[in-house]
Amino acid sequence: YAGMSIAYDFSNRTINNLIISGHNRLKVLLSKLVRYYLGCIIIYFSSTIIITLPYLLTKGWGNEFDFDELNYIILYITLTLFFTISTSTIMFFIAFFIKETGLATTLCLFTMLV
């Protein structure tokens, strides 16, 4: 996702148009980073819901729900979200430094596999 969203802006020079129009480079970069984080969070939660919801509807929760399980679920989602953001930051900087869509996407995919 980083190679396609960030490096695409560099390849097509759309990021240059933003900078030429008078926006600060840091603000442009931070806005791209926030947009990228939101996209990663949406992808994470949508895949989690798509996988969990059908199983929950067909198989049920398994046993009675208590608040200890709710604490565990909140902790798990928070830690996984933190890991997703951390990994996404690495991918963002790879795409930022490479600036070519195909190569950045390939390197990001390779980094995810390693």
C-alpha atoms as a PDB file:
ATOM      1  CA  TYR A   1       0.000   0.000   0.000  1.00  0.00           C
ATOM      2  CA  ALA A   2       2.884   2.378   0.721  1.00  0.00           C
ATOM      3  CA  GLY A   3       4.501   1.876  -2.646  1.00  0.00           C
ATOM      4  CA  MET A   4       1.238   2.486  -4.421  1.00  0.00           C
ATOM      5  CA  SER A   5       0.135   5.533  -2.431  1.00  0.00           C
ATOM      6  CA  ILE A   6       3.336   7.382  -1.541  1.00  0.00           C
ATOM      7  CA  ALA A   7       5.696   6.483  -4.378  1.00  0.00           C
ATOM      8  CA  TYR A   8       2.884   7.056  -6.883  1.00  0.00           C
ATOM      9  CA  ASP A   9       2.782  10.718  -5.853  1.00  0.00           C
ATOM     10  CA  PHE A  10       6.513  11.013  -6.483  1.00  0.00           C
ATOM     11  CA  SER A  11       6.398   9.128  -9.780  1.00  0.00           C
ATOM     12  CA  ASN A  12       3.610  11.274 -11.207  1.00  0.00           C
ATOM     13  CA  ARG A  13       4.979  14.451  -9.587  1.00  0.00           C
ATOM     14  CA  THR A  14       1.681  15.250  -7.880  1.00  0.00           C
ATOM     15  CA  ILE A  15       3.583  15.930  -4.673  1.00  0.00           C
ATOM     16  CA  ASN A  16       5.573  18.611  -6.501  1.00  0.00           C
ATOM     17  CA  ASN A  17       2.321  20.364  -7.400  1.00  0.00           C
ATOM     18  CA  LEU A  18       1.424  20.553  -3.721  1.00  0.00           C
ATOM     19  CA  ILE A  19       4.795  22.008  -2.802  1.00  0.00           C
ATOM     20  CA  ILE A  20       4.784  24.473  -5.725  1.00  0.00           C
ATOM     21  CA  SER A  21       1.318  25.702  -4.725  1.00  0.00           C
ATOM     22  CA  GLY A  22       2.790  27.088  -1.506  1.00  0.00           C
ATOM     23  CA  HIS A  23       2.413  24.284   1.030  1.00  0.00           C
ATOM     24  CA  ASN A  24       5.247  23.520   3.419  1.00  0.00           C
ATOM     25  CA  ARG A  25       7.149  20.280   2.670  1.00  0.00           C
ATOM     26  CA  LEU A  26       6.793  19.073   6.240  1.00  0.00           C
ATOM     27  CA  LYS A  27       3.040  19.673   6.217  1.00  0.00           C
ATOM     28  CA  VAL A  28       2.681  17.843   2.901  1.00  0.00           C
ATOM     29  CA  LEU A  29       4.703  14.912   4.226  1.00  0.00           C
ATOM     30  CA  LEU A  30       2.761  14.786   7.496  1.00  0.00           C
ATOM     31  CA  SER A  31      -0.564  14.921   5.665  1.00  0.00           C
ATOM     32  CA  LYS A  32       0.550  12.031   3.438  1.00  0.00           C
ATOM     33  CA  LEU A  33       1.661  10.114   6.545  1.00  0.00           C
ATOM     34  CA  VAL A  34      -1.675  10.669   8.332  1.00  0.00           C
ATOM     35  CA  ARG A  35      -3.611   9.652   5.215  1.00  0.00           C
ATOM     36  CA  TYR A  36      -1.431   6.560   4.894  1.00  0.00           C
ATOM     37  CA  TYR A  37      -1.937   5.646   8.573  1.00  0.00           C
ATOM     38  CA  LEU A  38      -5.703   6.005   8.219  1.00  0.00           C
ATOM     39  CA  GLY A  39      -5.635   3.767   5.163  1.00  0.00           C
ATOM     40  CA  CYS A  40      -3.603   1.139   7.029  1.00  0.00           C
ATOM     41  CA  ILE A  41      -5.964   1.275  10.009  1.00  0.00           C
ATOM     42  CA  ILE A  42      -8.995   0.883   7.734  1.00  0.00           C
ATOM     43  CA  ILE A  43      -7.379  -2.089   6.001  1.00  0.00           C
ATOM     44  CA  TYR A  44      -6.505  -3.659   9.363  1.00  0.00           C
ATOM     45  CA  PHE A  45      -9.963  -3.269  10.886  1.00  0.00           C
ATOM     46  CA  SER A  46     -11.814  -4.279   7.737  1.00  0.00           C
ATOM     47  CA  SER A  47      -9.817  -7.488   7.409  1.00  0.00           C
ATOM     48  CA  THR A  48     -10.288  -8.227  11.110  1.00  0.00           C
ATOM     49  CA  ILE A  49     -14.045  -7.713  10.884  1.00  0.00           C
ATOM     50  CA  ILE A  50     -14.360  -9.702   7.638  1.00  0.00           C
ATOM     51  CA  ILE A  51     -12.561 -12.657   9.211  1.00  0.00           C
ATOM     52  CA  THR A  52     -14.089 -12.506  12.706  1.00  0.00           C
ATOM     53  CA  LEU A  53     -17.726 -11.631  12.061  1.00  0.00           C
ATOM     54  CA  PRO A  54     -18.727 -14.684   9.958  1.00  0.00           C
ATOM     55  CA  TYR A  55     -17.051 -17.015  12.439  1.00  0.00           C
ATOM     56  CA  LEU A  56     -18.762 -15.291  15.350  1.00  0.00           C
ATOM     57  CA  LEU A  57     -22.165 -15.508  13.652  1.00  0.00           C
ATOM     58  CA  THR A  58     -21.844 -19.186  12.708  1.00  0.00           C
ATOM     59  CA  LYS A  59     -19.927 -20.639  15.667  1.00  0.00           C
ATOM     60  CA  GLY A  60     -20.777 -18.210  18.454  1.00  0.00           C
ATOM     61  CA  TRP A  61     -18.470 -16.850  21.108  1.00  0.00           C
ATOM     62  CA  GLY A  62     -17.772 -20.255  22.632  1.00  0.00           C
ATOM     63  CA  ASN A  63     -18.561 -19.609  26.280  1.00  0.00           C
ATOM     64  CA  GLU A  64     -20.090 -16.890  28.420  1.00  0.00           C
ATOM     65  CA  PHE A  65     -18.625 -13.472  27.799  1.00  0.00           C
ATOM     66  CA  ASP A  66     -16.925 -11.789  30.749  1.00  0.00           C
ATOM     67  CA  PHE A  67     -14.981  -8.581  31.186  1.00  0.00           C
ATOM     68  CA  ASP A  68     -11.614 -10.332  31.456  1.00  0.00           C
ATOM     69  CA  GLU A  69     -12.045 -11.367  27.844  1.00  0.00           C
ATOM     70  CA  LEU A  70     -13.006  -7.811  26.928  1.00  0.00           C
ATOM     71  CA  ASN A  71      -9.783  -6.534  28.528  1.00  0.00           C
ATOM     72  CA  TYR A  72      -7.816  -9.131  26.579  1.00  0.00           C
ATOM     73  CA  ILE A  73      -9.526  -8.149  23.313  1.00  0.00           C
ATOM     74  CA  ILE A  74      -8.846  -4.450  23.886  1.00  0.00           C
ATOM     75  CA  LEU A  75      -5.205  -5.187  24.747  1.00  0.00           C
ATOM     76  CA  TYR A  76      -4.823  -7.415  21.680  1.00  0.00           C
ATOM     77  CA  ILE A  77      -6.349  -4.823  19.324  1.00  0.00           C
ATOM     78  CA  THR A  78      -4.217  -2.035  20.819  1.00  0.00           C
ATOM     79  CA  LEU A  79      -0.965  -3.995  20.517  1.00  0.00           C
ATOM     80  CA  THR A  80      -1.797  -5.190  17.025  1.00  0.00           C
ATOM     81  CA  LEU A  81      -2.672  -1.659  15.979  1.00  0.00           C
ATOM     82  CA  PHE A  82       0.629  -0.423  17.409  1.00  0.00           C
ATOM     83  CA  PHE A  83       2.487  -3.136  15.469  1.00  0.00           C
ATOM     84  CA  THR A  84       0.564  -2.229  12.300  1.00  0.00           C
ATOM     85  CA  ILE A  85       1.463   1.456  12.656  1.00  0.00           C
ATOM     86  CA  SER A  86       5.116   0.605  13.369  1.00  0.00           C
ATOM     87  CA  THR A  87       5.368  -1.642  10.331  1.00  0.00           C
ATOM     88  CA  SER A  88       3.527   0.930   8.246  1.00  0.00           C
ATOM     89  CA  THR A  89       6.047   3.583   9.231  1.00  0.00           C
ATOM     90  CA  ILE A  90       8.887   1.446   7.896  1.00  0.00           C
ATOM     91  CA  MET A  91       6.980   0.923   4.649  1.00  0.00           C
ATOM     92  CA  PHE A  92       6.244   4.645   4.398  1.00  0.00           C
ATOM     93  CA  PHE A  93       9.910   5.565   4.641  1.00  0.00           C
ATOM     94  CA  ILE A  94      10.908   2.871   2.151  1.00  0.00           C
ATOM     95  CA  ALA A  95       8.403   4.303  -0.326  1.00  0.00           C
ATOM     96  CA  PHE A  96       9.510   7.843   0.503  1.00  0.00           C
ATOM     97  CA  PHE A  97      13.181   7.158  -0.171  1.00  0.00           C
ATOM     98  CA  ILE A  98      12.715   4.945  -3.250  1.00  0.00           C
ATOM     99  CA  LYS A  99      10.185   7.254  -5.006  1.00  0.00           C
ATOM    100  CA  GLU A 100       9.437   4.755  -7.773  1.00  0.00           C
ATOM    101  CA  THR A 101       6.130   2.921  -7.584  1.00  0.00           C
ATOM    102  CA  GLY A 102       7.139  -0.543  -8.822  1.00  0.00           C
ATOM    103  CA  LEU A 103      10.395  -0.790  -6.911  1.00  0.00           C
ATOM    104  CA  ALA A 104       8.918   0.650  -3.723  1.00  0.00           C
ATOM    105  CA  THR A 105       5.988  -1.782  -3.833  1.00  0.00           C
ATOM    106  CA  THR A 106       8.353  -4.716  -4.413  1.00  0.00           C
ATOM    107  CA  LEU A 107      10.654  -3.696  -1.564  1.00  0.00           C
ATOM    108  CA  CYS A 108       7.705  -3.163   0.799  1.00  0.00           C
ATOM    109  CA  LEU A 109       6.309  -6.605  -0.032  1.00  0.00           C
ATOM    110  CA  PHE A 110       9.744  -8.171   0.430  1.00  0.00           C
ATOM    111  CA  THR A 111      10.156  -6.385   3.770  1.00  0.00           C
ATOM    112  CA  MET A 112       6.768  -7.690   4.938  1.00  0.00           C
ATOM    113  CA  LEU A 113       7.787 -11.256   4.056  1.00  0.00           C
ATOM    114  CA  VAL A 114      11.085 -10.990   5.926  1.00  0.00           C
END
